[in-house]
C-alpha cells in the first residue's frame, strides 16, 4: 500500500475516481501525480544523505588534527 508524500499516512485507491486518497490528511492524487510528488521529494532525501556524510567527514578530519 502506498504512503502519502505529504504526511506519511496510508493511501487508499478509489476505483470510481481512479485516485489515491490519504486516510490521514485527505490528499487526493492520481497515480501519475503520486509518482511525480515522490520524484520531487527524492532529491531532498539525497541531499540530506550528502549533508550527513559531509558532517561525518568533517568530524573525522578535525579529530585527526588534535
PDB file of N, CA and C in Angstrom:
ATOM      1  N   UNK A   1       0.846  -1.185   0.000  1.00  0.00           N
ATOM      2  CA  UNK A   1       0.000   0.000   0.000  1.00  0.00           C
ATOM      3  C   UNK A   1       0.887   1.241   0.000  1.00  0.00           C
ATOM      4  N   UNK A   2       0.622   2.190  -0.879  1.00  0.00           N
ATOM      5  CA  UNK A   2       1.455   3.397  -0.932  1.00  0.00           C
ATOM      6  C   UNK A   2       1.210   4.316   0.265  1.00  0.00           C
ATOM      7  N   UNK A   3       2.204   5.137   0.542  1.00  0.00           N
ATOM      8  CA  UNK A   3       2.113   6.090   1.635  1.00  0.00           C
ATOM      9  C   UNK A   3       2.069   7.512   1.092  1.00  0.00           C
ATOM     10  N   UNK A   4       1.422   8.389   1.826  1.00  0.00           N
ATOM     11  CA  UNK A   4       1.227   9.777   1.426  1.00  0.00           C
ATOM     12  C   UNK A   4       2.554  10.538   1.429  1.00  0.00           C
ATOM     13  N   UNK A   5       2.846  11.250   0.343  1.00  0.00           N
ATOM     14  CA  UNK A   5       4.084  12.034   0.312  1.00  0.00           C
ATOM     15  C   UNK A   5       4.017  13.274   1.200  1.00  0.00           C
ATOM     16  N   UNK A   6       2.826  13.669   1.608  1.00  0.00           N
ATOM     17  CA  UNK A   6       2.658  14.852   2.452  1.00  0.00           C
ATOM     18  C   UNK A   6       2.812  14.523   3.940  1.00  0.00           C
ATOM     19  N   UNK A   7       2.091  13.505   4.416  1.00  0.00           N
ATOM     20  CA  UNK A   7       2.077  13.244   5.857  1.00  0.00           C
ATOM     21  C   UNK A   7       2.579  11.852   6.229  1.00  0.00           C
ATOM     22  N   UNK A   8       2.765  10.968   5.257  1.00  0.00           N
ATOM     23  CA  UNK A   8       3.228   9.611   5.529  1.00  0.00           C
ATOM     24  C   UNK A   8       2.113   8.630   5.859  1.00  0.00           C
ATOM     25  N   UNK A   9       0.856   9.094   5.805  1.00  0.00           N
ATOM     26  CA  UNK A   9      -0.280   8.219   6.085  1.00  0.00           C
ATOM     27  C   UNK A   9      -0.536   7.230   4.962  1.00  0.00           C
ATOM     28  N   UNK A  10      -1.401   6.250   5.218  1.00  0.00           N
ATOM     29  CA  UNK A  10      -1.735   5.250   4.199  1.00  0.00           C
ATOM     30  C   UNK A  10      -2.637   5.864   3.136  1.00  0.00           C
ATOM     31  N   UNK A  11      -2.384   5.475   1.882  1.00  0.00           N
ATOM     32  CA  UNK A  11      -3.199   5.933   0.767  1.00  0.00           C
ATOM     33  C   UNK A  11      -4.131   4.792   0.352  1.00  0.00           C
ATOM     34  N   UNK A  12      -5.362   5.123   0.067  1.00  0.00           N
ATOM     35  CA  UNK A  12      -6.347   4.140  -0.370  1.00  0.00           C
ATOM     36  C   UNK A  12      -6.732   4.474  -1.803  1.00  0.00           C
ATOM     37  N   UNK A  13      -6.783   3.454  -2.674  1.00  0.00           N
ATOM     38  CA  UNK A  13      -7.151   3.676  -4.068  1.00  0.00           C
ATOM     39  C   UNK A  13      -8.664   3.610  -4.210  1.00  0.00           C
ATOM     40  N   UNK A  14      -9.237   4.658  -4.806  1.00  0.00           N
ATOM     41  CA  UNK A  14     -10.676   4.726  -5.050  1.00  0.00           C
ATOM     42  C   UNK A  14     -10.899   4.422  -6.534  1.00  0.00           C
ATOM     43  N   UNK A  15     -11.468   3.267  -6.824  1.00  0.00           N
ATOM     44  CA  UNK A  15     -11.642   2.816  -8.202  1.00  0.00           C
ATOM     45  C   UNK A  15     -12.536   3.763  -9.001  1.00  0.00           C
ATOM     46  N   UNK A  16     -13.616   4.238  -8.406  1.00  0.00           N
ATOM     47  CA  UNK A  16     -14.583   5.080  -9.121  1.00  0.00           C
ATOM     48  C   UNK A  16     -13.955   6.359  -9.676  1.00  0.00           C
ATOM     49  N   UNK A  17     -13.040   6.959  -8.908  1.00  0.00           N
ATOM     50  CA  UNK A  17     -12.423   8.212  -9.354  1.00  0.00           C
ATOM     51  C   UNK A  17     -11.000   8.018  -9.874  1.00  0.00           C
ATOM     52  N   UNK A  18     -10.467   6.791  -9.723  1.00  0.00           N
ATOM     53  CA  UNK A  18      -9.101   6.466 -10.120  1.00  0.00           C
ATOM     54  C   UNK A  18      -8.095   7.391  -9.441  1.00  0.00           C
ATOM     55  N   UNK A  19      -8.321   7.645  -8.147  1.00  0.00           N
ATOM     56  CA  UNK A  19      -7.442   8.494  -7.352  1.00  0.00           C
ATOM     57  C   UNK A  19      -7.005   7.740  -6.100  1.00  0.00           C
ATOM     58  N   UNK A  20      -5.826   8.113  -5.613  1.00  0.00           N
ATOM     59  CA  UNK A  20      -5.374   7.664  -4.313  1.00  0.00           C
ATOM     60  C   UNK A  20      -5.744   8.752  -3.318  1.00  0.00           C
ATOM     61  N   UNK A  21      -6.340   8.372  -2.199  1.00  0.00           N
ATOM     62  CA  UNK A  21      -6.740   9.323  -1.169  1.00  0.00           C
ATOM     63  C   UNK A  21      -6.073   8.933   0.142  1.00  0.00           C
ATOM     64  N   UNK A  22      -5.438   9.916   0.786  1.00  0.00           N
ATOM     65  CA  UNK A  22      -4.774   9.670   2.062  1.00  0.00           C
ATOM     66  C   UNK A  22      -5.820   9.549   3.165  1.00  0.00           C
ATOM     67  N   UNK A  23      -5.679   8.506   3.978  1.00  0.00           N
ATOM     68  CA  UNK A  23      -6.616   8.284   5.082  1.00  0.00           C
ATOM     69  C   UNK A  23      -6.394   9.292   6.208  1.00  0.00           C
ATOM     70  N   UNK A  24      -5.219   9.903   6.269  1.00  0.00           N
ATOM     71  CA  UNK A  24      -4.914  10.839   7.356  1.00  0.00           C
ATOM     72  C   UNK A  24      -5.224  12.288   6.995  1.00  0.00           C
ATOM     73  N   UNK A  25      -4.606  12.783   5.900  1.00  0.00           N
ATOM     74  CA  UNK A  25      -4.745  14.213   5.587  1.00  0.00           C
ATOM     75  C   UNK A  25      -5.739  14.498   4.465  1.00  0.00           C
ATOM     76  N   UNK A  26      -6.183  13.461   3.742  1.00  0.00           N
ATOM     77  CA  UNK A  26      -7.183  13.666   2.700  1.00  0.00           C
ATOM     78  C   UNK A  26      -6.625  14.035   1.342  1.00  0.00           C
ATOM     79  N   UNK A  27      -5.308  14.025   1.174  1.00  0.00           N
ATOM     80  CA  UNK A  27      -4.705  14.333  -0.120  1.00  0.00           C
ATOM     81  C   UNK A  27      -5.254  13.375  -1.170  1.00  0.00           C
ATOM     82  N   UNK A  28      -5.691  13.915  -2.310  1.00  0.00           N
ATOM     83  CA  UNK A  28      -6.248  13.103  -3.387  1.00  0.00           C
ATOM     84  C   UNK A  28      -5.433  13.341  -4.649  1.00  0.00           C
ATOM     85  N   UNK A  29      -4.806  12.279  -5.173  1.00  0.00           N
ATOM     86  CA  UNK A  29      -3.954  12.391  -6.351  1.00  0.00           C
ATOM     87  C   UNK A  29      -4.141  11.183  -7.260  1.00  0.00           C
ATOM     88  N   UNK A  30      -3.831  11.386  -8.533  1.00  0.00           N
ATOM     89  CA  UNK A  30      -3.832  10.276  -9.478  1.00  0.00           C
ATOM     90  C   UNK A  30      -2.522   9.506  -9.300  1.00  0.00           C
ATOM     91  N   UNK A  31      -2.426   8.382  -9.943  1.00  0.00           N
ATOM     92  CA  UNK A  31      -1.203   7.575  -9.861  1.00  0.00           C
ATOM     93  C   UNK A  31      -0.011   8.375 -10.380  1.00  0.00           C
ATOM     94  N   UNK A  32      -0.207   9.074 -11.509  1.00  0.00           N
ATOM     95  CA  UNK A  32       0.862   9.875 -12.104  1.00  0.00           C
ATOM     96  C   UNK A  32       1.306  11.001 -11.155  1.00  0.00           C
ATOM     97  N   UNK A  33       0.346  11.690 -10.547  1.00  0.00           N
ATOM     98  CA  UNK A  33       0.668  12.772  -9.615  1.00  0.00           C
ATOM     99  C   UNK A  33       1.420  12.236  -8.400  1.00  0.00           C
ATOM    100  N   UNK A  34       1.032  11.061  -7.933  1.00  0.00           N
ATOM    101  CA  UNK A  34       1.703  10.438  -6.795  1.00  0.00           C
ATOM    102  C   UNK A  34       3.165  10.149  -7.131  1.00  0.00           C
ATOM    103  N   UNK A  35       3.411   9.617  -8.324  1.00  0.00           N
ATOM    104  CA  UNK A  35       4.776   9.324  -8.760  1.00  0.00           C
ATOM    105  C   UNK A  35       5.585  10.616  -8.899  1.00  0.00           C
ATOM    106  N   UNK A  36       4.977  11.679  -9.437  1.00  0.00           N
ATOM    107  CA  UNK A  36       5.664  12.957  -9.592  1.00  0.00           C
ATOM    108  C   UNK A  36       6.025  13.572  -8.245  1.00  0.00           C
ATOM    109  N   UNK A  37       5.111  13.479  -7.277  1.00  0.00           N
ATOM    110  CA  UNK A  37       5.394  14.006  -5.939  1.00  0.00           C
ATOM    111  C   UNK A  37       6.556  13.260  -5.291  1.00  0.00           C
ATOM    112  N   UNK A  38       6.592  11.968  -5.466  1.00  0.00           N
ATOM    113  CA  UNK A  38       7.685  11.167  -4.894  1.00  0.00           C
ATOM    114  C   UNK A  38       9.019  11.536  -5.536  1.00  0.00           C
ATOM    115  N   UNK A  39       9.025  11.733  -6.851  1.00  0.00           N
ATOM    116  CA  UNK A  39      10.245  12.121  -7.550  1.00  0.00           C
ATOM    117  C   UNK A  39      10.731  13.487  -7.073  1.00  0.00           C
ATOM    118  N   UNK A  40       9.787  14.388  -6.837  1.00  0.00           N
ATOM    119  CA  UNK A  40      10.129  15.733  -6.390  1.00  0.00           C
ATOM    120  C   UNK A  40      10.757  15.684  -4.999  1.00  0.00           C
ATOM    121  N   UNK A  41      10.295  14.775  -4.150  1.00  0.00           N
ATOM    122  CA  UNK A  41      10.807  14.678  -2.787  1.00  0.00           C
ATOM    123  C   UNK A  41      12.126  13.907  -2.709  1.00  0.00           C
ATOM    124  N   UNK A  42      12.393  13.066  -3.661  1.00  0.00           N
ATOM    125  CA  UNK A  42      13.590  12.221  -3.625  1.00  0.00           C
ATOM    126  C   UNK A  42      14.895  13.021  -3.550  1.00  0.00           C
ATOM    127  N   UNK A  43      15.087  14.091  -4.326  1.00  0.00           N
ATOM    128  CA  UNK A  43      16.355  14.820  -4.221  1.00  0.00           C
ATOM    129  C   UNK A  43      16.639  15.338  -2.816  1.00  0.00           C
ATOM    130  N   UNK A  44      15.617  15.731  -2.072  1.00  0.00           N
ATOM    131  CA  UNK A  44      15.849  16.232  -0.728  1.00  0.00           C
ATOM    132  C   UNK A  44      16.391  15.133   0.176  1.00  0.00           C
ATOM    133  N   UNK A  45      15.980  13.899  -0.054  1.00  0.00           N
ATOM    134  CA  UNK A  45      16.499  12.768   0.716  1.00  0.00           C
ATOM    135  C   UNK A  45      17.978  12.569   0.389  1.00  0.00           C
ATOM    136  N   UNK A  46      18.334  12.664  -0.901  1.00  0.00           N
ATOM    137  CA  UNK A  46      19.725  12.509  -1.310  1.00  0.00           C
ATOM    138  C   UNK A  46      20.578  13.640  -0.748  1.00  0.00           C
ATOM    139  N   UNK A  47      20.048  14.860  -0.720  1.00  0.00           N
ATOM    140  CA  UNK A  47      20.778  15.990  -0.167  1.00  0.00           C
ATOM    141  C   UNK A  47      21.012  15.807   1.323  1.00  0.00           C
ATOM    142  N   UNK A  48      20.013  15.284   2.032  1.00  0.00           N
ATOM    143  CA  UNK A  48      20.178  15.011   3.461  1.00  0.00           C
ATOM    144  C   UNK A  48      21.292  13.998   3.695  1.00  0.00           C
ATOM    145  N   UNK A  49      21.337  12.965   2.869  1.00  0.00           N
ATOM    146  CA  UNK A  49      22.375  11.940   2.996  1.00  0.00           C
ATOM    147  C   UNK A  49      23.751  12.541   2.714  1.00  0.00           C
ATOM    148  N   UNK A  50      23.837  13.387   1.699  1.00  0.00           N
ATOM    149  CA  UNK A  50      25.097  14.039   1.355  1.00  0.00           C
ATOM    150  C   UNK A  50      25.575  14.931   2.513  1.00  0.00           C
ATOM    151  N   UNK A  51      24.648  15.673   3.107  1.00  0.00           N
ATOM    152  CA  UNK A  51      24.981  16.546   4.233  1.00  0.00           C
ATOM    153  C   UNK A  51      25.457  15.722   5.429  1.00  0.00           C
ATOM    154  N   UNK A  52      24.819  14.592   5.672  1.00  0.00           N
ATOM    155  CA  UNK A  52      25.211  13.711   6.775  1.00  0.00           C
ATOM    156  C   UNK A  52      26.634  13.193   6.555  1.00  0.00           C
ATOM    157  N   UNK A  53      26.946  12.770   5.338  1.00  0.00           N
ATOM    158  CA  UNK A  53      28.286  12.277   5.027  1.00  0.00           C
ATOM    159  C   UNK A  53      29.329  13.376   5.180  1.00  0.00           C
ATOM    160  N   UNK A  54      28.977  14.600   4.752  1.00  0.00           N
ATOM    161  CA  UNK A  54      29.898  15.727   4.859  1.00  0.00           C
ATOM    162  C   UNK A  54      30.231  15.996   6.327  1.00  0.00           C
ATOM    163  N   UNK A  55      29.204  15.997   7.177  1.00  0.00           N
ATOM    164  CA  UNK A  55      29.418  16.245   8.601  1.00  0.00           C
ATOM    165  C   UNK A  55      30.269  15.151   9.235  1.00  0.00           C
ATOM    166  N   UNK A  56      30.028  13.900   8.841  1.00  0.00           N
ATOM    167  CA  UNK A  56      30.828  12.795   9.365  1.00  0.00           C
ATOM    168  C   UNK A  56      32.287  12.926   8.950  1.00  0.00           C
ATOM    169  N   UNK A  57      32.512  13.323   7.695  1.00  0.00           N
ATOM    170  CA  UNK A  57      33.877  13.509   7.213  1.00  0.00           C
ATOM    171  C   UNK A  57      34.570  14.626   7.979  1.00  0.00           C
ATOM    172  N   UNK A  58      33.892  15.754   8.158  1.00  0.00           N
ATOM    173  CA  UNK A  58      34.488  16.874   8.874  1.00  0.00           C
ATOM    174  C   UNK A  58      34.808  16.497  10.315  1.00  0.00           C
ATOM    175  N   UNK A  59      33.932  15.749  10.945  1.00  0.00           N
ATOM    176  CA  UNK A  59      34.171  15.289  12.317  1.00  0.00           C
ATOM    177  C   UNK A  59      35.426  14.421  12.356  1.00  0.00           C
ATOM    178  N   UNK A  60      35.548  13.501  11.393  1.00  0.00           N
ATOM    179  CA  UNK A  60      36.726  12.643  11.319  1.00  0.00           C
ATOM    180  C   UNK A  60      37.982  13.468  11.066  1.00  0.00           C
ATOM    181  N   UNK A  61      37.920  14.394  10.120  1.00  0.00           N
ATOM    182  CA  UNK A  61      39.069  15.201   9.727  1.00  0.00           C
ATOM    183  C   UNK A  61      39.571  16.042  10.897  1.00  0.00           C
ATOM    184  N   UNK A  62      38.637  16.688  11.607  1.00  0.00           N
ATOM    185  CA  UNK A  62      39.030  17.519  12.739  1.00  0.00           C
ATOM    186  C   UNK A  62      39.561  16.660  13.890  1.00  0.00           C
ATOM    187  N   UNK A  63      39.083  15.458  14.049  1.00  0.00           N
ATOM    188  CA  UNK A  63      39.580  14.594  15.128  1.00  0.00           C
ATOM    189  C   UNK A  63      41.043  14.211  14.898  1.00  0.00           C
ATOM    190  N   UNK A  64      41.490  14.150  13.654  1.00  0.00           N
ATOM    191  CA  UNK A  64      42.860  13.800  13.326  1.00  0.00           C
ATOM    192  C   UNK A  64      43.800  14.986  13.551  1.00  0.00           C
ATOM    193  N   UNK A  65      43.292  16.194  13.683  1.00  0.00           N
ATOM    194  CA  UNK A  65      44.110  17.397  13.831  1.00  0.00           C
ATOM    195  C   UNK A  65      44.490  17.677  15.281  1.00  0.00           C
ATOM    196  N   UNK A  66      43.944  16.948  16.222  1.00  0.00           N
ATOM    197  CA  UNK A  66      44.221  17.216  17.644  1.00  0.00           C
ATOM    198  C   UNK A  66      45.507  16.600  18.101  1.00  0.00           C
TER     199      UNK A  66
END
